[in-house]
Amino acid sequence: MFKTIAIIAAVAIVVFIVAVLLLAATKPDTFRVQRQIAIQAPPEKIFPLINDYKQWGAWSPWEKKDAAMKRSFSGPATGKGSAYAWESKQVGTGDMLITESVPSSLVKIDLNFSKPFEAHNKVIFSIQPQAGGSTVSWDMAGPAPLMSRVMQVFFSMDKMVGKDFEAGLADLKAAAEKQG
């Protein structure tokens, strides 16, 4: 009797694992998360908050998650070549490098994580002038290896990361509008 139950349980586990892997195989091998916000400030007031990693503390959602985060900065203070690395028990370990910086309109970043998992993503911030202010878009895209696709069977990357983007953009808005 117990042997039959053990065999049935083992078969159920194998069927579950195979089903998850089959579902994961149907997920796209890349991902993209994008959010945008209207800010009542000109691009010239918003751009420095993005183009200078030392100003990310005013708005980045991950900066607030670990007061003990170890940070290091290298390269130029702002713009292309500016680099930022972090190590944290709460938000992992990684680095960012600004690869393109167009004053008051665009910042492109290579974003790399080494912990809790390895990932290499591209981030783009674009700032468009609008009547009475600006529209800021935050876009992140990258490959979705098998483990990432397995996670997507249970969790939406867009919903998980998108909430942080929304919080960060709201704080960016507050910081830019506070400057006047």
N, C-alpha and C. Protein backbone atom coordinates (compact mmCIF):
# COMPACT_ATOMS: atom_id res chain seq x y z
N MET A 1 0.81 -1.21 0.00
CA MET A 1 0.00 0.00 0.00
C MET A 1 0.86 1.27 0.00
N PHE A 2 1.84 1.35 0.94
CA PHE A 2 2.70 2.52 1.00
C PHE A 2 3.58 2.62 -0.25
N LYS A 3 3.97 1.48 -0.77
CA LYS A 3 4.79 1.46 -1.97
C LYS A 3 4.00 2.04 -3.15
N THR A 4 2.73 1.71 -3.25
CA THR A 4 1.86 2.20 -4.32
C THR A 4 1.69 3.72 -4.20
N ILE A 5 1.48 4.20 -2.97
CA ILE A 5 1.33 5.64 -2.74
C ILE A 5 2.63 6.37 -3.10
N ALA A 6 3.78 5.81 -2.74
CA ALA A 6 5.07 6.42 -3.05
C ALA A 6 5.29 6.49 -4.55
N ILE A 7 4.91 5.43 -5.26
CA ILE A 7 5.06 5.41 -6.72
C ILE A 7 4.15 6.46 -7.36
N ILE A 8 2.91 6.54 -6.89
CA ILE A 8 1.97 7.54 -7.42
C ILE A 8 2.49 8.95 -7.15
N ALA A 9 3.01 9.18 -5.95
CA ALA A 9 3.54 10.50 -5.60
C ALA A 9 4.75 10.84 -6.49
N ALA A 10 5.63 9.89 -6.70
CA ALA A 10 6.81 10.12 -7.54
C ALA A 10 6.39 10.43 -8.98
N VAL A 11 5.41 9.70 -9.49
CA VAL A 11 4.92 9.94 -10.85
C VAL A 11 4.28 11.33 -10.94
N ALA A 12 3.52 11.71 -9.91
CA ALA A 12 2.87 13.03 -9.90
C ALA A 12 3.92 14.14 -9.90
N ILE A 13 4.99 13.95 -9.14
CA ILE A 13 6.06 14.94 -9.10
C ILE A 13 6.74 15.05 -10.46
N VAL A 14 7.02 13.93 -11.09
CA VAL A 14 7.65 13.94 -12.41
C VAL A 14 6.73 14.62 -13.43
N VAL A 15 5.44 14.30 -13.39
CA VAL A 15 4.47 14.92 -14.31
C VAL A 15 4.43 16.43 -14.09
N PHE A 16 4.43 16.86 -12.82
CA PHE A 16 4.42 18.29 -12.50
C PHE A 16 5.66 18.97 -13.06
N ILE A 17 6.83 18.39 -12.84
CA ILE A 17 8.08 18.98 -13.32
C ILE A 17 8.08 19.07 -14.85
N VAL A 18 7.65 18.01 -15.51
CA VAL A 18 7.59 18.02 -16.97
C VAL A 18 6.62 19.08 -17.46
N ALA A 19 5.46 19.20 -16.80
CA ALA A 19 4.47 20.21 -17.19
C ALA A 19 5.05 21.62 -17.05
N VAL A 20 5.74 21.88 -15.94
CA VAL A 20 6.34 23.20 -15.72
C VAL A 20 7.39 23.48 -16.80
N LEU A 21 8.23 22.50 -17.10
CA LEU A 21 9.26 22.70 -18.13
C LEU A 21 8.63 22.92 -19.51
N LEU A 22 7.55 22.21 -19.81
CA LEU A 22 6.87 22.42 -21.09
C LEU A 22 6.25 23.82 -21.16
N LEU A 23 5.63 24.26 -20.06
CA LEU A 23 5.08 25.62 -20.03
C LEU A 23 6.20 26.65 -20.16
N ALA A 24 7.31 26.42 -19.48
CA ALA A 24 8.45 27.35 -19.54
C ALA A 24 8.98 27.44 -20.97
N ALA A 25 8.97 26.32 -21.68
CA ALA A 25 9.48 26.31 -23.06
C ALA A 25 8.61 27.16 -23.98
N THR A 26 7.36 27.41 -23.60
CA THR A 26 6.48 28.24 -24.44
C THR A 26 6.66 29.73 -24.17
N LYS A 27 7.36 30.08 -23.10
CA LYS A 27 7.59 31.49 -22.78
C LYS A 27 8.64 32.07 -23.71
N PRO A 28 8.58 33.38 -23.99
CA PRO A 28 9.58 34.00 -24.87
C PRO A 28 10.98 33.94 -24.26
N ASP A 29 12.00 33.92 -25.13
CA ASP A 29 13.38 33.84 -24.63
C ASP A 29 13.98 35.21 -24.36
N THR A 30 13.15 36.25 -24.41
CA THR A 30 13.55 37.59 -24.01
C THR A 30 12.41 38.20 -23.19
N PHE A 31 12.72 39.26 -22.45
CA PHE A 31 11.68 39.95 -21.70
C PHE A 31 11.85 41.45 -21.89
N ARG A 32 10.79 42.17 -21.58
CA ARG A 32 10.83 43.63 -21.63
C ARG A 32 9.85 44.17 -20.60
N VAL A 33 10.30 45.15 -19.85
CA VAL A 33 9.44 45.85 -18.89
C VAL A 33 9.58 47.33 -19.20
N GLN A 34 8.45 48.01 -19.32
CA GLN A 34 8.49 49.44 -19.60
C GLN A 34 7.39 50.15 -18.83
N ARG A 35 7.74 51.31 -18.30
CA ARG A 35 6.77 52.19 -17.65
C ARG A 35 7.11 53.62 -18.03
N GLN A 36 6.12 54.51 -17.94
CA GLN A 36 6.39 55.92 -18.20
C GLN A 36 5.52 56.78 -17.30
N ILE A 37 5.95 58.03 -17.18
CA ILE A 37 5.24 58.95 -16.29
C ILE A 37 5.37 60.37 -16.85
N ALA A 38 4.36 61.17 -16.62
CA ALA A 38 4.41 62.59 -16.94
C ALA A 38 4.95 63.33 -15.73
N ILE A 39 5.91 64.22 -15.96
CA ILE A 39 6.54 64.99 -14.90
C ILE A 39 6.43 66.47 -15.25
N GLN A 40 5.99 67.24 -14.30
CA GLN A 40 5.84 68.68 -14.51
C GLN A 40 7.17 69.39 -14.28
N ALA A 41 8.13 69.05 -15.12
CA ALA A 41 9.45 69.67 -15.08
C ALA A 41 10.06 69.52 -16.47
N PRO A 42 10.90 70.45 -16.86
CA PRO A 42 11.54 70.33 -18.18
C PRO A 42 12.59 69.22 -18.16
N PRO A 43 12.91 68.66 -19.33
CA PRO A 43 13.93 67.60 -19.41
C PRO A 43 15.24 67.97 -18.74
N GLU A 44 15.62 69.24 -18.79
CA GLU A 44 16.89 69.68 -18.20
C GLU A 44 16.95 69.48 -16.69
N LYS A 45 15.80 69.45 -16.02
CA LYS A 45 15.75 69.22 -14.57
C LYS A 45 15.75 67.73 -14.24
N ILE A 46 15.21 66.92 -15.14
CA ILE A 46 15.07 65.47 -14.91
C ILE A 46 16.36 64.74 -15.25
N PHE A 47 16.95 65.09 -16.38
CA PHE A 47 18.12 64.38 -16.91
C PHE A 47 19.24 64.19 -15.89
N PRO A 48 19.67 65.21 -15.13
CA PRO A 48 20.77 65.02 -14.18
C PRO A 48 20.46 63.97 -13.10
N LEU A 49 19.19 63.80 -12.76
CA LEU A 49 18.81 62.81 -11.75
C LEU A 49 19.04 61.39 -12.25
N ILE A 50 19.01 61.20 -13.55
CA ILE A 50 19.22 59.88 -14.15
C ILE A 50 20.67 59.70 -14.57
N ASN A 51 21.28 60.71 -15.10
CA ASN A 51 22.62 60.66 -15.69
C ASN A 51 23.74 60.63 -14.65
N ASP A 52 23.41 60.83 -13.39
CA ASP A 52 24.40 60.86 -12.29
C ASP A 52 23.99 59.82 -11.25
N TYR A 53 24.73 58.70 -11.19
CA TYR A 53 24.38 57.62 -10.26
C TYR A 53 24.31 58.08 -8.81
N LYS A 54 25.07 59.09 -8.44
CA LYS A 54 25.05 59.56 -7.05
C LYS A 54 23.72 60.23 -6.71
N GLN A 55 22.90 60.57 -7.72
CA GLN A 55 21.59 61.15 -7.47
C GLN A 55 20.47 60.10 -7.46
N TRP A 56 20.80 58.85 -7.75
CA TRP A 56 19.77 57.81 -7.78
C TRP A 56 19.16 57.56 -6.40
N GLY A 57 19.88 57.91 -5.34
CA GLY A 57 19.34 57.73 -3.99
C GLY A 57 18.05 58.50 -3.77
N ALA A 58 17.84 59.56 -4.55
CA ALA A 58 16.62 60.37 -4.41
C ALA A 58 15.40 59.70 -5.01
N TRP A 59 15.60 58.68 -5.87
CA TRP A 59 14.43 58.12 -6.55
C TRP A 59 14.47 56.61 -6.84
N SER A 60 15.62 56.01 -6.90
CA SER A 60 15.69 54.58 -7.27
C SER A 60 15.04 53.71 -6.18
N PRO A 61 14.11 52.85 -6.56
CA PRO A 61 13.43 52.03 -5.55
C PRO A 61 14.37 51.06 -4.84
N TRP A 62 15.43 50.64 -5.49
CA TRP A 62 16.33 49.66 -4.88
C TRP A 62 17.28 50.31 -3.89
N GLU A 63 17.53 51.59 -4.03
CA GLU A 63 18.40 52.30 -3.09
C GLU A 63 17.80 52.31 -1.68
N LYS A 64 16.48 52.25 -1.60
CA LYS A 64 15.79 52.35 -0.30
C LYS A 64 15.60 51.00 0.39
N LYS A 65 15.91 49.91 -0.31
CA LYS A 65 15.63 48.58 0.23
C LYS A 65 16.70 48.05 1.17
N ASP A 66 17.89 48.65 1.17
CA ASP A 66 18.96 48.17 2.04
C ASP A 66 19.88 49.32 2.44
N ALA A 67 19.71 49.80 3.67
CA ALA A 67 20.55 50.90 4.16
C ALA A 67 22.02 50.49 4.27
N ALA A 68 22.27 49.19 4.37
CA ALA A 68 23.65 48.71 4.50
C ALA A 68 24.30 48.38 3.15
N MET A 69 23.65 48.72 2.06
CA MET A 69 24.18 48.41 0.73
C MET A 69 25.56 49.04 0.55
N LYS A 70 26.50 48.26 0.03
CA LYS A 70 27.83 48.77 -0.29
C LYS A 70 27.79 49.26 -1.73
N ARG A 71 28.25 50.49 -1.94
CA ARG A 71 28.21 51.12 -3.26
C ARG A 71 29.61 51.56 -3.66
N SER A 72 29.89 51.51 -4.96
CA SER A 72 31.13 52.09 -5.47
C SER A 72 30.86 52.73 -6.82
N PHE A 73 31.55 53.81 -7.08
CA PHE A 73 31.39 54.57 -8.32
C PHE A 73 32.75 54.63 -9.00
N SER A 74 32.73 54.59 -10.33
CA SER A 74 33.99 54.71 -11.08
C SER A 74 33.72 55.39 -12.41
N GLY A 75 34.80 55.75 -13.07
CA GLY A 75 34.68 56.45 -14.34
C GLY A 75 34.29 57.90 -14.12
N PRO A 76 33.82 58.56 -15.18
CA PRO A 76 33.39 59.96 -15.03
C PRO A 76 32.23 60.07 -14.04
N ALA A 77 32.05 61.22 -13.46
CA ALA A 77 30.97 61.42 -12.47
C ALA A 77 29.59 61.26 -13.10
N THR A 78 29.46 61.65 -14.36
CA THR A 78 28.18 61.56 -15.05
C THR A 78 28.40 61.13 -16.50
N GLY A 79 27.34 60.69 -17.12
CA GLY A 79 27.37 60.41 -18.55
C GLY A 79 28.08 59.13 -18.94
N LYS A 80 28.36 59.05 -20.24
CA LYS A 80 28.97 57.84 -20.82
C LYS A 80 30.24 57.46 -20.08
N GLY A 81 30.31 56.17 -19.73
CA GLY A 81 31.47 55.66 -19.01
C GLY A 81 31.33 55.67 -17.50
N SER A 82 30.31 56.37 -16.99
CA SER A 82 30.06 56.40 -15.56
C SER A 82 29.56 55.01 -15.12
N ALA A 83 30.14 54.51 -14.03
CA ALA A 83 29.80 53.16 -13.56
C ALA A 83 29.44 53.18 -12.09
N TYR A 84 28.57 52.25 -11.74
CA TYR A 84 28.08 52.11 -10.37
C TYR A 84 27.97 50.62 -10.07
N ALA A 85 28.50 50.21 -8.94
CA ALA A 85 28.40 48.81 -8.51
C ALA A 85 27.83 48.77 -7.10
N TRP A 86 27.13 47.69 -6.78
CA TRP A 86 26.53 47.54 -5.46
C TRP A 86 26.63 46.10 -5.00
N GLU A 87 26.56 45.96 -3.69
CA GLU A 87 26.53 44.64 -3.07
C GLU A 87 25.57 44.73 -1.88
N SER A 88 24.58 43.84 -1.88
CA SER A 88 23.54 43.92 -0.87
C SER A 88 22.94 42.55 -0.61
N LYS A 89 22.61 42.29 0.64
CA LYS A 89 21.92 41.04 0.96
C LYS A 89 20.47 41.09 0.50
N GLN A 90 19.88 42.28 0.43
CA GLN A 90 18.48 42.42 0.04
C GLN A 90 18.27 42.51 -1.47
N VAL A 91 19.14 43.23 -2.16
CA VAL A 91 18.91 43.46 -3.60
C VAL A 91 19.97 42.83 -4.49
N GLY A 92 20.87 42.03 -3.92
CA GLY A 92 21.84 41.32 -4.73
C GLY A 92 23.10 42.12 -5.00
N THR A 93 23.85 41.63 -5.98
CA THR A 93 25.12 42.23 -6.36
C THR A 93 25.12 42.47 -7.87
N GLY A 94 25.62 43.63 -8.26
CA GLY A 94 25.65 43.92 -9.69
C GLY A 94 26.34 45.22 -9.99
N ASP A 95 26.25 45.61 -11.26
CA ASP A 95 26.85 46.87 -11.68
C ASP A 95 26.09 47.44 -12.88
N MET A 96 26.25 48.75 -13.08
CA MET A 96 25.64 49.45 -14.20
C MET A 96 26.70 50.34 -14.85
N LEU A 97 26.62 50.45 -16.16
CA LEU A 97 27.53 51.30 -16.92
C LEU A 97 26.70 52.11 -17.91
N ILE A 98 26.86 53.44 -17.88
CA ILE A 98 26.18 54.27 -18.87
C ILE A 98 26.94 54.14 -20.18
N THR A 99 26.23 53.64 -21.20
CA THR A 99 26.85 53.41 -22.51
C THR A 99 26.54 54.52 -23.51
N GLU A 100 25.49 55.28 -23.24
CA GLU A 100 25.15 56.41 -24.10
C GLU A 100 24.41 57.44 -23.27
N SER A 101 24.74 58.70 -23.51
CA SER A 101 24.11 59.79 -22.77
C SER A 101 23.92 60.96 -23.71
N VAL A 102 22.67 61.29 -23.99
CA VAL A 102 22.34 62.42 -24.85
C VAL A 102 21.66 63.45 -23.96
N PRO A 103 22.31 64.59 -23.72
CA PRO A 103 21.79 65.57 -22.77
C PRO A 103 20.28 65.83 -22.91
N SER A 104 19.64 65.74 -21.76
CA SER A 104 18.22 66.05 -21.58
C SER A 104 17.26 65.16 -22.36
N SER A 105 17.75 64.03 -22.93
CA SER A 105 16.81 63.20 -23.67
C SER A 105 16.99 61.70 -23.54
N LEU A 106 18.22 61.20 -23.29
CA LEU A 106 18.42 59.74 -23.36
C LEU A 106 19.59 59.30 -22.49
N VAL A 107 19.39 58.20 -21.76
CA VAL A 107 20.47 57.54 -21.03
C VAL A 107 20.30 56.04 -21.26
N LYS A 108 21.35 55.41 -21.82
CA LYS A 108 21.35 53.95 -22.02
C LYS A 108 22.35 53.33 -21.06
N ILE A 109 21.95 52.21 -20.47
CA ILE A 109 22.74 51.57 -19.43
C ILE A 109 22.84 50.07 -19.67
N ASP A 110 24.04 49.52 -19.46
CA ASP A 110 24.21 48.07 -19.37
C ASP A 110 24.06 47.71 -17.90
N LEU A 111 23.11 46.85 -17.59
CA LEU A 111 22.82 46.44 -16.22
C LEU A 111 23.18 44.97 -16.05
N ASN A 112 24.07 44.67 -15.12
CA ASN A 112 24.53 43.30 -14.90
C ASN A 112 24.32 42.90 -13.44
N PHE A 113 23.76 41.73 -13.25
CA PHE A 113 23.62 41.14 -11.92
C PHE A 113 24.52 39.92 -11.84
N SER A 114 25.17 39.74 -10.69
CA SER A 114 25.92 38.51 -10.44
C SER A 114 25.28 37.68 -9.34
N LYS A 115 24.53 38.34 -8.44
CA LYS A 115 23.79 37.64 -7.38
C LYS A 115 22.43 38.31 -7.22
N PRO A 116 21.39 37.66 -6.90
CA PRO A 116 21.29 36.23 -6.58
C PRO A 116 21.34 35.33 -7.80
N PHE A 117 21.30 35.91 -9.00
CA PHE A 117 21.44 35.13 -10.23
C PHE A 117 22.12 36.03 -11.25
N GLU A 118 22.70 35.41 -12.26
CA GLU A 118 23.38 36.18 -13.29
C GLU A 118 22.37 36.67 -14.33
N ALA A 119 22.50 37.93 -14.70
CA ALA A 119 21.64 38.51 -15.73
C ALA A 119 22.36 39.70 -16.36
N HIS A 120 22.11 39.89 -17.65
CA HIS A 120 22.71 41.00 -18.39
C HIS A 120 21.60 41.66 -19.19
N ASN A 121 21.22 42.87 -18.77
CA ASN A 121 20.08 43.55 -19.37
C ASN A 121 20.48 44.93 -19.90
N LYS A 122 19.63 45.45 -20.75
CA LYS A 122 19.80 46.80 -21.30
C LYS A 122 18.68 47.67 -20.74
N VAL A 123 19.06 48.86 -20.29
CA VAL A 123 18.09 49.80 -19.72
C VAL A 123 18.15 51.08 -20.54
N ILE A 124 16.98 51.64 -20.83
CA ILE A 124 16.92 52.90 -21.56
C ILE A 124 15.97 53.84 -20.83
N PHE A 125 16.46 55.02 -20.51
CA PHE A 125 15.63 56.11 -20.01
C PHE A 125 15.51 57.11 -21.13
N SER A 126 14.29 57.45 -21.52
CA SER A 126 14.12 58.50 -22.52
C SER A 126 13.23 59.58 -21.94
N ILE A 127 13.57 60.81 -22.25
CA ILE A 127 12.85 61.98 -21.75
C ILE A 127 12.36 62.77 -22.95
N GLN A 128 11.05 62.95 -23.03
CA GLN A 128 10.45 63.70 -24.14
C GLN A 128 9.78 64.95 -23.60
N PRO A 129 10.11 66.12 -24.14
CA PRO A 129 9.41 67.33 -23.69
C PRO A 129 7.94 67.28 -24.10
N GLN A 130 7.08 67.73 -23.21
CA GLN A 130 5.64 67.81 -23.45
C GLN A 130 5.17 69.17 -22.96
N ALA A 131 4.01 69.57 -23.37
CA ALA A 131 3.45 70.84 -22.88
C ALA A 131 3.36 70.78 -21.36
N GLY A 132 3.99 71.71 -20.70
CA GLY A 132 3.94 71.77 -19.25
C GLY A 132 4.89 70.83 -18.54
N GLY A 133 5.75 70.14 -19.27
CA GLY A 133 6.68 69.23 -18.60
C GLY A 133 7.33 68.24 -19.53
N SER A 134 7.40 67.00 -19.07
CA SER A 134 8.10 65.95 -19.82
C SER A 134 7.44 64.60 -19.58
N THR A 135 7.69 63.68 -20.50
CA THR A 135 7.33 62.28 -20.30
C THR A 135 8.62 61.49 -20.20
N VAL A 136 8.75 60.71 -19.14
CA VAL A 136 9.93 59.89 -18.94
C VAL A 136 9.52 58.43 -19.10
N SER A 137 10.28 57.71 -19.93
CA SER A 137 10.07 56.26 -20.12
C SER A 137 11.26 55.52 -19.55
N TRP A 138 10.97 54.43 -18.84
CA TRP A 138 11.99 53.56 -18.27
C TRP A 138 11.76 52.19 -18.87
N ASP A 139 12.74 51.69 -19.60
CA ASP A 139 12.60 50.45 -20.34
C ASP A 139 13.77 49.53 -19.99
N MET A 140 13.47 48.26 -19.71
CA MET A 140 14.52 47.27 -19.47
C MET A 140 14.19 46.03 -20.27
N ALA A 141 15.20 45.51 -20.96
CA ALA A 141 15.01 44.31 -21.77
C ALA A 141 16.25 43.43 -21.63
N GLY A 142 16.04 42.14 -21.85
CA GLY A 142 17.16 41.22 -21.79
C GLY A 142 16.74 39.82 -22.13
N PRO A 143 17.71 38.92 -22.11
CA PRO A 143 17.42 37.51 -22.40
C PRO A 143 16.69 36.86 -21.23
N ALA A 144 15.89 35.86 -21.54
CA ALA A 144 15.19 35.08 -20.51
C ALA A 144 15.64 33.63 -20.64
N PRO A 145 16.72 33.27 -19.94
CA PRO A 145 17.17 31.87 -20.01
C PRO A 145 16.14 30.94 -19.37
N LEU A 146 16.37 29.64 -19.48
CA LEU A 146 15.39 28.66 -19.03
C LEU A 146 14.92 28.89 -17.60
N MET A 147 15.84 29.16 -16.68
CA MET A 147 15.44 29.34 -15.27
C MET A 147 14.49 30.54 -15.14
N SER A 148 14.77 31.59 -15.87
CA SER A 148 13.89 32.76 -15.86
C SER A 148 12.51 32.41 -16.40
N ARG A 149 12.47 31.61 -17.46
CA ARG A 149 11.18 31.21 -18.04
C ARG A 149 10.41 30.28 -17.10
N VAL A 150 11.13 29.45 -16.34
CA VAL A 150 10.47 28.61 -15.33
C VAL A 150 9.81 29.50 -14.28
N MET A 151 10.52 30.55 -13.84
CA MET A 151 9.95 31.49 -12.87
C MET A 151 8.73 32.19 -13.44
N GLN A 152 8.75 32.47 -14.76
CA GLN A 152 7.63 33.16 -15.39
C GLN A 152 6.37 32.31 -15.43
N VAL A 153 6.50 31.00 -15.26
CA VAL A 153 5.32 30.14 -15.17
C VAL A 153 4.51 30.52 -13.93
N PHE A 154 5.19 30.95 -12.87
CA PHE A 154 4.55 31.26 -11.60
C PHE A 154 4.42 32.75 -11.31
N PHE A 155 5.33 33.58 -11.85
CA PHE A 155 5.37 35.01 -11.55
C PHE A 155 5.49 35.80 -12.84
N SER A 156 4.88 36.96 -12.87
CA SER A 156 4.99 37.86 -14.02
C SER A 156 6.15 38.83 -13.79
N MET A 157 7.16 38.75 -14.64
CA MET A 157 8.30 39.66 -14.56
C MET A 157 7.82 41.10 -14.70
N ASP A 158 6.87 41.33 -15.60
CA ASP A 158 6.36 42.67 -15.81
C ASP A 158 5.71 43.23 -14.54
N LYS A 159 4.92 42.40 -13.86
CA LYS A 159 4.26 42.87 -12.64
C LYS A 159 5.26 43.07 -11.50
N MET A 160 6.21 42.13 -11.36
CA MET A 160 7.18 42.23 -10.26
C MET A 160 8.08 43.45 -10.43
N VAL A 161 8.74 43.56 -11.56
CA VAL A 161 9.67 44.66 -11.80
C VAL A 161 8.91 45.95 -12.09
N GLY A 162 7.78 45.82 -12.77
CA GLY A 162 6.98 47.00 -13.11
C GLY A 162 6.57 47.80 -11.89
N LYS A 163 6.26 47.13 -10.78
CA LYS A 163 5.89 47.85 -9.55
C LYS A 163 7.05 48.70 -9.06
N ASP A 164 8.27 48.16 -9.15
CA ASP A 164 9.45 48.94 -8.75
C ASP A 164 9.67 50.12 -9.70
N PHE A 165 9.47 49.89 -11.00
CA PHE A 165 9.60 50.99 -11.97
C PHE A 165 8.60 52.09 -11.65
N GLU A 166 7.36 51.71 -11.35
CA GLU A 166 6.33 52.70 -11.04
C GLU A 166 6.69 53.50 -9.80
N ALA A 167 7.18 52.81 -8.76
CA ALA A 167 7.60 53.50 -7.53
C ALA A 167 8.78 54.43 -7.81
N GLY A 168 9.75 53.95 -8.58
CA GLY A 168 10.91 54.77 -8.91
C GLY A 168 10.54 55.99 -9.73
N LEU A 169 9.66 55.82 -10.70
CA LEU A 169 9.23 56.97 -11.51
C LEU A 169 8.45 57.97 -10.68
N ALA A 170 7.63 57.48 -9.75
CA ALA A 170 6.90 58.40 -8.87
C ALA A 170 7.87 59.22 -8.02
N ASP A 171 8.92 58.57 -7.53
CA ASP A 171 9.93 59.29 -6.73
C ASP A 171 10.78 60.21 -7.60
N LEU A 172 11.05 59.80 -8.85
CA LEU A 172 11.76 60.68 -9.79
C LEU A 172 10.92 61.94 -10.06
N LYS A 173 9.63 61.73 -10.25
CA LYS A 173 8.70 62.86 -10.46
C LYS A 173 8.77 63.82 -9.27
N ALA A 174 8.67 63.26 -8.06
CA ALA A 174 8.69 64.10 -6.85
C ALA A 174 10.01 64.87 -6.75
N ALA A 175 11.12 64.20 -7.02
CA ALA A 175 12.43 64.86 -6.93
C ALA A 175 12.59 65.95 -7.98
N ALA A 176 12.14 65.69 -9.22
CA ALA A 176 12.28 66.67 -10.29
C ALA A 176 11.36 67.86 -10.07
N GLU A 177 10.13 67.60 -9.65
CA GLU A 177 9.17 68.70 -9.44
C GLU A 177 9.53 69.52 -8.22
N LYS A 178 10.18 68.93 -7.24
CA LYS A 178 10.61 69.64 -6.04
C LYS A 178 11.68 70.68 -6.37
N GLN A 179 12.47 70.40 -7.40
CA GLN A 179 13.53 71.33 -7.80
C GLN A 179 12.96 72.63 -8.37
N GLY A 180 11.70 72.56 -8.80
CA GLY A 180 11.06 73.77 -9.29
C GLY A 180 11.29 73.97 -10.70
